[in-house]
PDB file of N, CA and C in Angstrom:
ATOM      1  N   UNK A   1      77.729  37.311  48.051  1.00  0.00           N
ATOM      2  CA  UNK A   1      77.873  38.494  47.048  1.00  0.00           C
ATOM      3  C   UNK A   1      76.470  39.199  46.882  1.00  0.00           C
ATOM      4  N   UNK A   2      76.414  40.338  46.910  1.00  0.00           N
ATOM      5  CA  UNK A   2      75.197  41.148  46.673  1.00  0.00           C
ATOM      6  C   UNK A   2      74.715  40.808  45.268  1.00  0.00           C
ATOM      7  N   UNK A   3      73.312  41.026  45.149  1.00  0.00           N
ATOM      8  CA  UNK A   3      72.937  40.757  43.852  1.00  0.00           C
ATOM      9  C   UNK A   3      73.112  42.011  42.905  1.00  0.00           C
ATOM     10  N   UNK A   4      73.260  41.770  41.909  1.00  0.00           N
ATOM     11  CA  UNK A   4      73.501  42.911  40.811  1.00  0.00           C
ATOM     12  C   UNK A   4      72.443  42.991  39.714  1.00  0.00           C
ATOM     13  N   UNK A   5      71.383  43.610  39.933  1.00  0.00           N
ATOM     14  CA  UNK A   5      70.359  43.811  38.857  1.00  0.00           C
ATOM     15  C   UNK A   5      70.935  44.043  37.492  1.00  0.00           C
ATOM     16  N   UNK A   6      70.397  43.443  36.550  1.00  0.00           N
ATOM     17  CA  UNK A   6      70.804  43.580  35.220  1.00  0.00           C
ATOM     18  C   UNK A   6      69.999  44.502  34.447  1.00  0.00           C
ATOM     19  N   UNK A   7      68.853  44.984  34.913  1.00  0.00           N
ATOM     20  CA  UNK A   7      67.972  45.735  34.352  1.00  0.00           C
ATOM     21  C   UNK A   7      68.611  47.135  33.683  1.00  0.00           C
ATOM     22  N   UNK A   8      67.955  47.691  32.751  1.00  0.00           N
ATOM     23  CA  UNK A   8      68.404  49.007  32.284  1.00  0.00           C
ATOM     24  C   UNK A   8      68.379  50.040  33.397  1.00  0.00           C
ATOM     25  N   UNK A   9      69.402  50.935  33.252  1.00  0.00           N
ATOM     26  CA  UNK A   9      69.468  51.936  34.191  1.00  0.00           C
ATOM     27  C   UNK A   9      68.238  52.875  34.077  1.00  0.00           C
ATOM     28  N   UNK A  10      67.815  53.341  35.217  1.00  0.00           N
ATOM     29  CA  UNK A  10      66.815  54.442  35.172  1.00  0.00           C
ATOM     30  C   UNK A  10      67.041  55.627  34.480  1.00  0.00           C
ATOM     31  N   UNK A  11      66.107  56.452  34.231  1.00  0.00           N
ATOM     32  CA  UNK A  11      66.451  57.867  33.549  1.00  0.00           C
ATOM     33  C   UNK A  11      67.309  58.738  34.574  1.00  0.00           C
ATOM     34  N   UNK A  12      66.978  58.535  35.848  1.00  0.00           N
ATOM     35  CA  UNK A  12      67.709  59.328  36.858  1.00  0.00           C
ATOM     36  C   UNK A  12      69.106  58.798  36.887  1.00  0.00           C
ATOM     37  N   UNK A  13      69.380  57.584  36.963  1.00  0.00           N
ATOM     38  CA  UNK A  13      70.681  57.096  36.950  1.00  0.00           C
ATOM     39  C   UNK A  13      71.517  57.579  35.722  1.00  0.00           C
ATOM     40  N   UNK A  14      70.787  57.512  34.515  1.00  0.00           N
ATOM     41  CA  UNK A  14      71.514  57.940  33.344  1.00  0.00           C
ATOM     42  C   UNK A  14      71.872  59.448  33.327  1.00  0.00           C
ATOM     43  N   UNK A  15      71.000  60.141  33.888  1.00  0.00           N
ATOM     44  CA  UNK A  15      71.396  61.653  34.308  1.00  0.00           C
ATOM     45  C   UNK A  15      72.638  61.844  35.036  1.00  0.00           C
ATOM     46  N   UNK A  16      72.694  60.903  36.045  1.00  0.00           N
ATOM     47  CA  UNK A  16      73.752  60.975  36.924  1.00  0.00           C
ATOM     48  C   UNK A  16      75.151  60.540  36.158  1.00  0.00           C
ATOM     49  N   UNK A  17      75.000  59.507  35.354  1.00  0.00           N
ATOM     50  CA  UNK A  17      76.067  59.132  34.576  1.00  0.00           C
ATOM     51  C   UNK A  17      76.512  60.232  33.687  1.00  0.00           C
ATOM     52  N   UNK A  18      75.477  60.874  33.014  1.00  0.00           N
ATOM     53  CA  UNK A  18      75.914  62.068  32.103  1.00  0.00           C
ATOM     54  C   UNK A  18      76.589  63.001  32.862  1.00  0.00           C
ATOM     55  N   UNK A  19      76.000  63.356  34.111  1.00  0.00           N
ATOM     56  CA  UNK A  19      76.678  64.332  34.893  1.00  0.00           C
ATOM     57  C   UNK A  19      78.202  64.084  35.376  1.00  0.00           C
ATOM     58  N   UNK A  20      78.331  62.870  35.762  1.00  0.00           N
ATOM     59  CA  UNK A  20      79.579  62.317  36.087  1.00  0.00           C
ATOM     60  C   UNK A  20      80.614  62.498  34.903  1.00  0.00           C
ATOM     61  N   UNK A  21      80.066  61.955  33.849  1.00  0.00           N
ATOM     62  CA  UNK A  21      81.021  62.112  32.600  1.00  0.00           C
ATOM     63  C   UNK A  21      81.400  63.631  32.218  1.00  0.00           C
ATOM     64  N   UNK A  22      80.617  64.413  32.568  1.00  0.00           N
ATOM     65  CA  UNK A  22      80.648  65.824  32.051  1.00  0.00           C
ATOM     66  C   UNK A  22      81.530  66.530  33.223  1.00  0.00           C
ATOM     67  N   UNK A  23      81.949  65.871  34.309  1.00  0.00           N
ATOM     68  CA  UNK A  23      82.627  66.506  35.268  1.00  0.00           C
ATOM     69  C   UNK A  23      81.848  67.287  36.180  1.00  0.00           C
ATOM     70  N   UNK A  24      80.435  67.255  36.268  1.00  0.00           N
ATOM     71  CA  UNK A  24      79.489  68.001  36.992  1.00  0.00           C
ATOM     72  C   UNK A  24      79.363  67.096  38.345  1.00  0.00           C
ATOM     73  N   UNK A  25      80.400  67.003  39.148  1.00  0.00           N
ATOM     74  CA  UNK A  25      80.283  66.125  40.209  1.00  0.00           C
ATOM     75  C   UNK A  25      79.328  66.482  41.442  1.00  0.00           C
ATOM     76  N   UNK A  26      79.216  67.638  41.507  1.00  0.00           N
ATOM     77  CA  UNK A  26      78.310  68.080  42.605  1.00  0.00           C
ATOM     78  C   UNK A  26      76.744  67.723  42.194  1.00  0.00           C
ATOM     79  N   UNK A  27      76.564  67.981  41.013  1.00  0.00           N
ATOM     80  CA  UNK A  27      75.113  67.731  40.304  1.00  0.00           C
ATOM     81  C   UNK A  27      74.888  66.228  40.302  1.00  0.00           C
ATOM     82  N   UNK A  28      75.994  65.530  40.057  1.00  0.00           N
ATOM     83  CA  UNK A  28      75.887  63.932  40.061  1.00  0.00           C
ATOM     84  C   UNK A  28      75.620  63.485  41.577  1.00  0.00           C
ATOM     85  N   UNK A  29      76.356  64.048  42.513  1.00  0.00           N
ATOM     86  CA  UNK A  29      76.128  63.798  43.853  1.00  0.00           C
ATOM     87  C   UNK A  29      74.586  63.744  44.243  1.00  0.00           C
ATOM     88  N   UNK A  30      73.980  65.126  43.858  1.00  0.00           N
ATOM     89  CA  UNK A  30      72.640  65.310  44.252  1.00  0.00           C
ATOM     90  C   UNK A  30      71.667  64.350  43.650  1.00  0.00           C
ATOM     91  N   UNK A  31      71.918  64.020  42.306  1.00  0.00           N
ATOM     92  CA  UNK A  31      71.094  63.030  41.680  1.00  0.00           C
ATOM     93  C   UNK A  31      71.338  61.699  42.212  1.00  0.00           C
ATOM     94  N   UNK A  32      72.503  61.236  42.534  1.00  0.00           N
ATOM     95  CA  UNK A  32      72.642  59.837  43.161  1.00  0.00           C
ATOM     96  C   UNK A  32      72.152  59.845  44.500  1.00  0.00           C
ATOM     97  N   UNK A  33      72.122  60.882  45.064  1.00  0.00           N
ATOM     98  CA  UNK A  33      71.572  60.799  46.556  1.00  0.00           C
ATOM     99  C   UNK A  33      70.207  60.529  46.661  1.00  0.00           C
ATOM    100  N   UNK A  34      69.469  61.030  45.550  1.00  0.00           N
ATOM    101  CA  UNK A  34      67.917  60.687  45.708  1.00  0.00           C
ATOM    102  C   UNK A  34      67.901  59.139  45.344  1.00  0.00           C
ATOM    103  N   UNK A  35      68.613  58.682  44.446  1.00  0.00           N
ATOM    104  CA  UNK A  35      68.552  57.163  44.197  1.00  0.00           C
ATOM    105  C   UNK A  35      68.993  56.285  45.480  1.00  0.00           C
ATOM    106  N   UNK A  36      70.170  56.727  46.039  1.00  0.00           N
ATOM    107  CA  UNK A  36      70.652  56.105  47.192  1.00  0.00           C
ATOM    108  C   UNK A  36      69.550  56.044  48.172  1.00  0.00           C
ATOM    109  N   UNK A  37      69.099  57.191  48.685  1.00  0.00           N
ATOM    110  CA  UNK A  37      68.145  57.384  49.742  1.00  0.00           C
ATOM    111  C   UNK A  37      66.917  56.451  49.436  1.00  0.00           C
ATOM    112  N   UNK A  38      66.490  56.401  48.308  1.00  0.00           N
ATOM    113  CA  UNK A  38      65.187  55.557  47.935  1.00  0.00           C
ATOM    114  C   UNK A  38      65.499  54.004  47.897  1.00  0.00           C
ATOM    115  N   UNK A  39      66.671  53.571  47.747  1.00  0.00           N
ATOM    116  CA  UNK A  39      67.034  52.275  47.636  1.00  0.00           C
ATOM    117  C   UNK A  39      67.217  51.494  48.904  1.00  0.00           C
ATOM    118  N   UNK A  40      66.287  50.590  49.241  1.00  0.00           N
ATOM    119  CA  UNK A  40      66.501  49.800  50.564  1.00  0.00           C
ATOM    120  C   UNK A  40      67.484  48.715  50.402  1.00  0.00           C
ATOM    121  N   UNK A  41      67.866  48.231  49.170  1.00  0.00           N
ATOM    122  CA  UNK A  41      68.704  46.893  49.070  1.00  0.00           C
ATOM    123  C   UNK A  41      70.057  47.152  49.117  1.00  0.00           C
ATOM    124  N   UNK A  42      70.962  46.106  48.917  1.00  0.00           N
ATOM    125  CA  UNK A  42      72.242  46.230  49.062  1.00  0.00           C
ATOM    126  C   UNK A  42      72.805  47.143  47.767  1.00  0.00           C
ATOM    127  N   UNK A  43      72.036  47.068  46.680  1.00  0.00           N
ATOM    128  CA  UNK A  43      72.588  47.772  45.613  1.00  0.00           C
ATOM    129  C   UNK A  43      72.822  49.213  45.763  1.00  0.00           C
ATOM    130  N   UNK A  44      72.185  49.825  46.866  1.00  0.00           N
ATOM    131  CA  UNK A  44      72.463  51.142  47.201  1.00  0.00           C
ATOM    132  C   UNK A  44      73.893  51.548  47.321  1.00  0.00           C
ATOM    133  N   UNK A  45      74.692  50.562  47.715  1.00  0.00           N
ATOM    134  CA  UNK A  45      76.139  50.867  47.808  1.00  0.00           C
ATOM    135  C   UNK A  45      76.786  51.247  46.463  1.00  0.00           C
ATOM    136  N   UNK A  46      76.259  50.825  45.385  1.00  0.00           N
ATOM    137  CA  UNK A  46      76.703  51.320  44.021  1.00  0.00           C
ATOM    138  C   UNK A  46      76.449  52.636  43.731  1.00  0.00           C
ATOM    139  N   UNK A  47      75.306  53.272  44.201  1.00  0.00           N
ATOM    140  CA  UNK A  47      74.961  54.574  44.069  1.00  0.00           C
ATOM    141  C   UNK A  47      75.889  55.492  45.088  1.00  0.00           C
ATOM    142  N   UNK A  48      76.134  54.943  46.188  1.00  0.00           N
ATOM    143  CA  UNK A  48      76.939  55.588  47.096  1.00  0.00           C
ATOM    144  C   UNK A  48      78.444  55.591  46.613  1.00  0.00           C
ATOM    145  N   UNK A  49      78.770  54.370  46.129  1.00  0.00           N
ATOM    146  CA  UNK A  49      80.127  54.301  45.697  1.00  0.00           C
ATOM    147  C   UNK A  49      80.600  55.351  44.459  1.00  0.00           C
ATOM    148  N   UNK A  50      79.775  55.376  43.601  1.00  0.00           N
ATOM    149  CA  UNK A  50      79.814  56.359  42.466  1.00  0.00           C
ATOM    150  C   UNK A  50      79.772  57.839  42.808  1.00  0.00           C
ATOM    151  N   UNK A  51      78.955  57.983  43.944  1.00  0.00           N
ATOM    152  CA  UNK A  51      78.839  59.346  44.501  1.00  0.00           C
ATOM    153  C   UNK A  51      80.057  59.786  45.178  1.00  0.00           C
ATOM    154  N   UNK A  52      80.734  58.896  45.833  1.00  0.00           N
ATOM    155  CA  UNK A  52      81.798  59.179  46.607  1.00  0.00           C
ATOM    156  C   UNK A  52      83.094  59.398  45.769  1.00  0.00           C
ATOM    157  N   UNK A  53      83.106  58.502  44.743  1.00  0.00           N
ATOM    158  CA  UNK A  53      84.155  58.772  43.713  1.00  0.00           C
ATOM    159  C   UNK A  53      84.014  60.067  43.046  1.00  0.00           C
ATOM    160  N   UNK A  54      82.782  60.463  42.682  1.00  0.00           N
ATOM    161  CA  UNK A  54      82.538  61.765  42.005  1.00  0.00           C
ATOM    162  C   UNK A  54      82.973  62.963  43.107  1.00  0.00           C
ATOM    163  N   UNK A  55      82.645  62.804  44.145  1.00  0.00           N
ATOM    164  CA  UNK A  55      82.980  63.902  45.250  1.00  0.00           C
ATOM    165  C   UNK A  55      84.556  63.881  45.423  1.00  0.00           C
ATOM    166  N   UNK A  56      85.181  62.696  45.323  1.00  0.00           N
ATOM    167  CA  UNK A  56      86.683  62.619  45.546  1.00  0.00           C
ATOM    168  C   UNK A  56      87.253  63.407  44.376  1.00  0.00           C
ATOM    169  N   UNK A  57      86.791  63.260  43.154  1.00  0.00           N
ATOM    170  CA  UNK A  57      87.243  63.946  41.970  1.00  0.00           C
ATOM    171  C   UNK A  57      87.165  65.400  42.228  1.00  0.00           C
ATOM    172  N   UNK A  58      85.901  65.894  42.647  1.00  0.00           N
ATOM    173  CA  UNK A  58      85.702  67.320  42.900  1.00  0.00           C
ATOM    174  C   UNK A  58      86.645  67.834  43.896  1.00  0.00           C
ATOM    175  N   UNK A  59      86.992  67.058  45.052  1.00  0.00           N
ATOM    176  CA  UNK A  59      88.029  67.451  45.862  1.00  0.00           C
ATOM    177  C   UNK A  59      89.359  67.695  45.122  1.00  0.00           C
ATOM    178  N   UNK A  60      89.765  66.685  44.273  1.00  0.00           N
ATOM    179  CA  UNK A  60      91.023  66.860  43.812  1.00  0.00           C
ATOM    180  C   UNK A  60      90.849  68.074  42.717  1.00  0.00           C
ATOM    181  N   UNK A  61      89.806  68.306  42.000  1.00  0.00           N
ATOM    182  CA  UNK A  61      89.759  69.591  41.316  1.00  0.00           C
ATOM    183  C   UNK A  61      89.933  70.834  42.097  1.00  0.00           C
ATOM    184  N   UNK A  62      89.639  70.810  43.388  1.00  0.00           N
ATOM    185  CA  UNK A  62      89.630  71.984  44.304  1.00  0.00           C
ATOM    186  C   UNK A  62      91.016  71.950  45.064  1.00  0.00           C
ATOM    187  N   UNK A  63      91.974  70.915  44.826  1.00  0.00           N
ATOM    188  CA  UNK A  63      93.215  71.010  45.427  1.00  0.00           C
ATOM    189  C   UNK A  63      93.228  70.204  46.728  1.00  0.00           C
ATOM    190  N   UNK A  64      92.179  69.658  47.166  1.00  0.00           N
ATOM    191  CA  UNK A  64      92.158  68.785  48.573  1.00  0.00           C
ATOM    192  C   UNK A  64      92.497  67.473  48.187  1.00  0.00           C
ATOM    193  N   UNK A  65      93.795  67.094  48.057  1.00  0.00           N
ATOM    194  CA  UNK A  65      94.272  65.768  47.732  1.00  0.00           C
ATOM    195  C   UNK A  65      94.026  64.690  48.639  1.00  0.00           C
ATOM    196  N   UNK A  66      94.006  65.098  49.969  1.00  0.00           N
ATOM    197  CA  UNK A  66      93.793  64.094  51.034  1.00  0.00           C
ATOM    198  C   UNK A  66      92.393  63.645  50.977  1.00  0.00           C
ATOM    199  N   UNK A  67      91.404  64.595  50.799  1.00  0.00           N
ATOM    200  CA  UNK A  67      89.889  64.298  50.817  1.00  0.00           C
ATOM    201  C   UNK A  67      89.748  63.398  49.503  1.00  0.00           C
ATOM    202  N   UNK A  68      90.471  63.728  48.413  1.00  0.00           N
ATOM    203  CA  UNK A  68      90.296  63.010  47.123  1.00  0.00           C
ATOM    204  C   UNK A  68      90.696  61.459  47.395  1.00  0.00           C
ATOM    205  N   UNK A  69      91.851  61.328  47.928  1.00  0.00           N
ATOM    206  CA  UNK A  69      92.357  60.061  48.147  1.00  0.00           C
ATOM    207  C   UNK A  69      91.167  59.283  49.015  1.00  0.00           C
ATOM    208  N   UNK A  70      90.875  59.786  50.062  1.00  0.00           N
ATOM    209  CA  UNK A  70      89.960  59.136  51.043  1.00  0.00           C
ATOM    210  C   UNK A  70      88.692  58.765  50.361  1.00  0.00           C
ATOM    211  N   UNK A  71      88.010  59.620  49.670  1.00  0.00           N
ATOM    212  CA  UNK A  71      86.833  59.485  48.921  1.00  0.00           C
ATOM    213  C   UNK A  71      86.944  58.500  47.895  1.00  0.00           C
ATOM    214  N   UNK A  72      87.892  58.558  47.098  1.00  0.00           N
ATOM    215  CA  UNK A  72      88.221  57.657  45.827  1.00  0.00           C
ATOM    216  C   UNK A  72      88.231  56.173  46.496  1.00  0.00           C
ATOM    217  N   UNK A  73      89.071  56.034  47.606  1.00  0.00           N
ATOM    218  CA  UNK A  73      89.240  54.804  48.156  1.00  0.00           C
ATOM    219  C   UNK A  73      87.854  54.264  48.621  1.00  0.00           C
ATOM    220  N   UNK A  74      87.214  55.056  49.389  1.00  0.00           N
ATOM    221  CA  UNK A  74      85.871  54.467  49.989  1.00  0.00           C
ATOM    222  C   UNK A  74      84.762  54.131  48.876  1.00  0.00           C
ATOM    223  N   UNK A  75      84.887  55.143  47.976  1.00  0.00           N
ATOM    224  CA  UNK A  75      83.870  54.833  46.843  1.00  0.00           C
ATOM    225  C   UNK A  75      84.099  53.313  46.063  1.00  0.00           C
ATOM    226  N   UNK A  76      85.567  53.373  45.762  1.00  0.00           N
ATOM    227  CA  UNK A  76      85.996  52.019  45.081  1.00  0.00           C
ATOM    228  C   UNK A  76      85.772  50.819  46.047  1.00  0.00           C
ATOM    229  N   UNK A  77      85.829  50.898  47.389  1.00  0.00           N
ATOM    230  CA  UNK A  77      85.599  49.806  48.160  1.00  0.00           C
ATOM    231  C   UNK A  77      84.016  49.485  48.109  1.00  0.00           C
ATOM    232  N   UNK A  78      83.339  50.466  48.042  1.00  0.00           N
ATOM    233  CA  UNK A  78      81.888  50.172  47.960  1.00  0.00           C
ATOM    234  C   UNK A  78      81.378  49.563  46.619  1.00  0.00           C
ATOM    235  N   UNK A  79      82.181  49.728  45.597  1.00  0.00           N
ATOM    236  CA  UNK A  79      81.786  49.122  44.410  1.00  0.00           C
ATOM    237  C   UNK A  79      82.265  47.765  44.169  1.00  0.00           C
ATOM    238  N   UNK A  80      83.431  47.461  44.894  1.00  0.00           N
ATOM    239  CA  UNK A  80      84.065  46.056  44.557  1.00  0.00           C
ATOM    240  C   UNK A  80      83.193  44.971  44.636  1.00  0.00           C
ATOM    241  N   UNK A  81      82.254  44.849  45.691  1.00  0.00           N
ATOM    242  CA  UNK A  81      81.368  43.571  45.697  1.00  0.00           C
ATOM    243  C   UNK A  81      80.453  43.424  44.446  1.00  0.00           C
ATOM    244  N   UNK A  82      80.321  44.418  43.736  1.00  0.00           N
ATOM    245  CA  UNK A  82      79.423  44.467  42.565  1.00  0.00           C
ATOM    246  C   UNK A  82      80.132  44.285  41.280  1.00  0.00           C
ATOM    247  N   UNK A  83      81.553  44.179  41.203  1.00  0.00           N
ATOM    248  CA  UNK A  83      82.191  44.183  39.977  1.00  0.00           C
ATOM    249  C   UNK A  83      81.886  42.773  39.292  1.00  0.00           C
ATOM    250  N   UNK A  84      81.898  42.838  38.083  1.00  0.00           N
ATOM    251  CA  UNK A  84      82.349  43.807  37.105  1.00  0.00           C
ATOM    252  C   UNK A  84      81.280  44.785  36.600  1.00  0.00           C
ATOM    253  N   UNK A  85      80.040  44.418  36.906  1.00  0.00           N
ATOM    254  CA  UNK A  85      78.710  45.188  36.325  1.00  0.00           C
ATOM    255  C   UNK A  85      77.549  45.290  37.303  1.00  0.00           C
ATOM    256  N   UNK A  86      77.052  46.389  37.400  1.00  0.00           N
ATOM    257  CA  UNK A  86      75.878  46.422  38.326  1.00  0.00           C
ATOM    258  C   UNK A  86      74.979  47.558  37.689  1.00  0.00           C
ATOM    259  N   UNK A  87      73.638  47.372  37.645  1.00  0.00           N
ATOM    260  CA  UNK A  87      72.780  48.378  37.114  1.00  0.00           C
ATOM    261  C   UNK A  87      73.206  48.948  35.687  1.00  0.00           C
ATOM    262  N   UNK A  88      73.673  48.023  34.923  1.00  0.00           N
ATOM    263  CA  UNK A  88      74.061  48.257  33.644  1.00  0.00           C
ATOM    264  C   UNK A  88      75.201  49.191  33.371  1.00  0.00           C
ATOM    265  N   UNK A  89      76.049  49.239  34.569  1.00  0.00           N
ATOM    266  CA  UNK A  89      77.215  50.067  34.520  1.00  0.00           C
ATOM    267  C   UNK A  89      78.477  49.257  34.474  1.00  0.00           C
ATOM    268  N   UNK A  90      79.601  49.724  33.846  1.00  0.00           N
ATOM    269  CA  UNK A  90      80.849  49.022  33.846  1.00  0.00           C
ATOM    270  C   UNK A  90      81.696  49.405  35.086  1.00  0.00           C
ATOM    271  N   UNK A  91      81.406  48.911  36.206  1.00  0.00           N
ATOM    272  CA  UNK A  91      82.078  49.283  37.334  1.00  0.00           C
ATOM    273  C   UNK A  91      83.485  48.789  37.534  1.00  0.00           C
ATOM    274  N   UNK A  92      83.753  47.785  36.565  1.00  0.00           N
ATOM    275  CA  UNK A  92      85.184  47.228  36.546  1.00  0.00           C
ATOM    276  C   UNK A  92      86.122  48.469  36.140  1.00  0.00           C
ATOM    277  N   UNK A  93      85.602  48.917  34.842  1.00  0.00           N
ATOM    278  CA  UNK A  93      86.263  49.952  34.130  1.00  0.00           C
ATOM    279  C   UNK A  93      86.568  51.348  35.170  1.00  0.00           C
ATOM    280  N   UNK A  94      85.550  51.638  35.938  1.00  0.00           N
ATOM    281  CA  UNK A  94      85.591  52.686  36.828  1.00  0.00           C
ATOM    282  C   UNK A  94      86.640  52.309  37.904  1.00  0.00           C
ATOM    283  N   UNK A  95      86.609  51.204  38.323  1.00  0.00           N
ATOM    284  CA  UNK A  95      87.515  50.839  39.540  1.00  0.00           C
ATOM    285  C   UNK A  95      88.839  50.769  38.982  1.00  0.00           C
ATOM    286  N   UNK A  96      89.082  50.384  37.867  1.00  0.00           N
ATOM    287  CA  UNK A  96      90.477  50.358  37.212  1.00  0.00           C
ATOM    288  C   UNK A  96      91.014  51.678  37.220  1.00  0.00           C
ATOM    289  N   UNK A  97      90.206  52.642  36.678  1.00  0.00           N
ATOM    290  CA  UNK A  97      90.493  54.202  36.534  1.00  0.00           C
ATOM    291  C   UNK A  97      90.779  54.667  37.851  1.00  0.00           C
ATOM    292  N   UNK A  98      90.158  54.443  38.967  1.00  0.00           N
ATOM    293  CA  UNK A  98      90.311  54.902  40.256  1.00  0.00           C
ATOM    294  C   UNK A  98      91.619  54.362  40.719  1.00  0.00           C
ATOM    295  N   UNK A  99      91.963  53.069  40.487  1.00  0.00           N
ATOM    296  CA  UNK A  99      93.120  52.612  40.905  1.00  0.00           C
ATOM    297  C   UNK A  99      94.361  53.513  40.329  1.00  0.00           C
ATOM    298  N   UNK A 100      94.293  53.699  39.119  1.00  0.00           N
ATOM    299  CA  UNK A 100      95.277  54.651  38.308  1.00  0.00           C
ATOM    300  C   UNK A 100      95.319  55.971  39.013  1.00  0.00           C
ATOM    301  N   UNK A 101      94.246  56.557  39.190  1.00  0.00           N
ATOM    302  CA  UNK A 101      94.139  57.925  39.743  1.00  0.00           C
ATOM    303  C   UNK A 101      94.796  57.947  41.215  1.00  0.00           C
ATOM    304  N   UNK A 102      94.649  56.900  41.842  1.00  0.00           N
ATOM    305  CA  UNK A 102      95.119  56.692  43.381  1.00  0.00           C
ATOM    306  C   UNK A 102      96.669  56.762  43.273  1.00  0.00           C
ATOM    307  N   UNK A 103      97.129  56.092  42.281  1.00  0.00           N
ATOM    308  CA  UNK A 103      98.649  55.934  42.071  1.00  0.00           C
ATOM    309  C   UNK A 103      99.213  57.406  41.738  1.00  0.00           C
ATOM    310  N   UNK A 104      98.617  58.078  40.951  1.00  0.00           N
ATOM    311  CA  UNK A 104      98.854  59.419  40.537  1.00  0.00           C
ATOM    312  C   UNK A 104      98.742  60.363  41.921  1.00  0.00           C
ATOM    313  N   UNK A 105      97.768  60.267  42.629  1.00  0.00           N
ATOM    314  CA  UNK A 105      97.659  61.029  43.941  1.00  0.00           C
ATOM    315  C   UNK A 105      98.635  60.757  44.941  1.00  0.00           C
ATOM    316  N   UNK A 106      99.122  59.589  44.908  1.00  0.00           N
ATOM    317  CA  UNK A 106     100.256  59.218  45.793  1.00  0.00           C
ATOM    318  C   UNK A 106     101.702  59.173  45.387  1.00  0.00           C
ATOM    319  N   UNK A 107     101.923  59.976  44.185  1.00  0.00           N
ATOM    320  CA  UNK A 107     103.020  60.016  43.649  1.00  0.00           C
ATOM    321  C   UNK A 107     103.930  60.972  44.435  1.00  0.00           C
ATOM    322  N   UNK A 108     105.290  60.591  44.708  1.00  0.00           N
ATOM    323  CA  UNK A 108     106.243  61.346  45.643  1.00  0.00           C
ATOM    324  C   UNK A 108     106.302  62.726  45.080  1.00  0.00           C
ATOM    325  N   UNK A 109     106.128  63.048  43.692  1.00  0.00           N
ATOM    326  CA  UNK A 109     106.386  64.295  43.296  1.00  0.00           C
ATOM    327  C   UNK A 109     105.106  65.296  43.489  1.00  0.00           C
ATOM    328  N   UNK A 110     104.068  64.598  44.168  1.00  0.00           N
ATOM    329  CA  UNK A 110     102.819  65.424  44.494  1.00  0.00           C
ATOM    330  C   UNK A 110     101.942  65.262  43.264  1.00  0.00           C
ATOM    331  N   UNK A 111     100.630  65.312  43.628  1.00  0.00           N
ATOM    332  CA  UNK A 111      99.591  65.275  42.563  1.00  0.00           C
ATOM    333  C   UNK A 111      99.495  66.452  41.573  1.00  0.00           C
ATOM    334  N   UNK A 112      99.417  66.009  40.256  1.00  0.00           N
ATOM    335  CA  UNK A 112      99.122  67.285  39.284  1.00  0.00           C
ATOM    336  C   UNK A 112      97.611  67.701  39.410  1.00  0.00           C
ATOM    337  N   UNK A 113      97.327  68.620  38.702  1.00  0.00           N
ATOM    338  CA  UNK A 113      95.841  68.987  38.762  1.00  0.00           C
ATOM    339  C   UNK A 113      95.084  67.862  37.865  1.00  0.00           C
ATOM    340  N   UNK A 114      93.767  67.770  38.218  1.00  0.00           N
ATOM    341  CA  UNK A 114      92.978  66.840  37.490  1.00  0.00           C
ATOM    342  C   UNK A 114      92.444  67.544  36.323  1.00  0.00           C
ATOM    343  N   UNK A 115      93.078  66.907  35.226  1.00  0.00           N
ATOM    344  CA  UNK A 115      92.743  67.470  33.896  1.00  0.00           C
ATOM    345  C   UNK A 115      91.692  66.603  33.172  1.00  0.00           C
ATOM    346  N   UNK A 116      91.180  67.154  32.177  1.00  0.00           N
ATOM    347  CA  UNK A 116      90.082  66.342  31.474  1.00  0.00           C
ATOM    348  C   UNK A 116      90.564  65.018  30.912  1.00  0.00           C
ATOM    349  N   UNK A 117      91.800  64.950  30.667  1.00  0.00           N
ATOM    350  CA  UNK A 117      92.346  63.691  30.045  1.00  0.00           C
ATOM    351  C   UNK A 117      92.440  62.743  31.057  1.00  0.00           C
ATOM    352  N   UNK A 118      92.553  63.165  32.432  1.00  0.00           N
ATOM    353  CA  UNK A 118      92.697  62.124  33.552  1.00  0.00           C
ATOM    354  C   UNK A 118      91.377  61.679  34.133  1.00  0.00           C
ATOM    355  N   UNK A 119      90.374  62.443  33.901  1.00  0.00           N
ATOM    356  CA  UNK A 119      89.052  62.173  34.514  1.00  0.00           C
ATOM    357  C   UNK A 119      88.393  60.850  34.077  1.00  0.00           C
ATOM    358  N   UNK A 120      88.156  59.970  34.844  1.00  0.00           N
ATOM    359  CA  UNK A 120      87.490  58.766  34.407  1.00  0.00           C
ATOM    360  C   UNK A 120      86.011  58.975  33.941  1.00  0.00           C
ATOM    361  N   UNK A 121      85.647  58.147  33.133  1.00  0.00           N
ATOM    362  CA  UNK A 121      84.298  58.019  32.633  1.00  0.00           C
ATOM    363  C   UNK A 121      83.557  56.849  33.234  1.00  0.00           C
ATOM    364  N   UNK A 122      82.330  56.999  33.148  1.00  0.00           N
ATOM    365  CA  UNK A 122      81.484  55.907  33.854  1.00  0.00           C
ATOM    366  C   UNK A 122      80.471  55.512  32.514  1.00  0.00           C
ATOM    367  N   UNK A 123      80.636  54.301  32.043  1.00  0.00           N
ATOM    368  CA  UNK A 123      79.925  53.945  30.903  1.00  0.00           C
ATOM    369  C   UNK A 123      79.068  52.677  31.195  1.00  0.00           C
ATOM    370  N   UNK A 124      78.081  52.645  30.430  1.00  0.00           N
ATOM    371  CA  UNK A 124      77.045  51.569  30.333  1.00  0.00           C
ATOM    372  C   UNK A 124      77.662  50.443  29.721  1.00  0.00           C
ATOM    373  N   UNK A 125      77.363  49.143  30.104  1.00  0.00           N
ATOM    374  CA  UNK A 125      77.851  47.953  29.583  1.00  0.00           C
ATOM    375  C   UNK A 125      77.600  47.902  28.135  1.00  0.00           C
ATOM    376  N   UNK A 126      78.533  47.520  27.300  1.00  0.00           N
ATOM    377  CA  UNK A 126      78.351  47.420  26.024  1.00  0.00           C
ATOM    378  C   UNK A 126      78.428  48.689  25.184  1.00  0.00           C
ATOM    379  N   UNK A 127      78.933  49.775  25.969  1.00  0.00           N
ATOM    380  CA  UNK A 127      79.051  50.976  25.270  1.00  0.00           C
ATOM    381  C   UNK A 127      80.556  51.248  25.322  1.00  0.00           C
ATOM    382  N   UNK A 128      81.071  52.120  24.399  1.00  0.00           N
ATOM    383  CA  UNK A 128      82.454  52.608  24.486  1.00  0.00           C
ATOM    384  C   UNK A 128      82.480  53.919  25.099  1.00  0.00           C
ATOM    385  N   UNK A 129      83.609  54.098  25.805  1.00  0.00           N
ATOM    386  CA  UNK A 129      83.847  55.502  26.412  1.00  0.00           C
ATOM    387  C   UNK A 129      83.984  56.580  25.499  1.00  0.00           C
TER     388      UNK A 129
END
């Protein structure tokens, strides 16, 4: 199992969390990409996983449901080894939200638009969403 540093998130990661929670997924991607590229260890998969989930949500917003499904699954798979918490983030909560979103995306009736009430949040451990 990969190590899961428990130190407080960096200011850059906190900015990415804020961007994710605001639905600014492209900005979040850019912010997380810096962290991901600078991280040599296995924890880089957490950055990449959150990044892919965010871009999956962006695809959904733009009506690309196939791309959304693919990226949400990939992102969630990257996070799974680090559940429930890594980098001070509640990854278990995000993973559960992604599972629910994938069910919606795979609905036989077809996916609805991604509305604010469906967007998952990314929270720090010990915080309420």
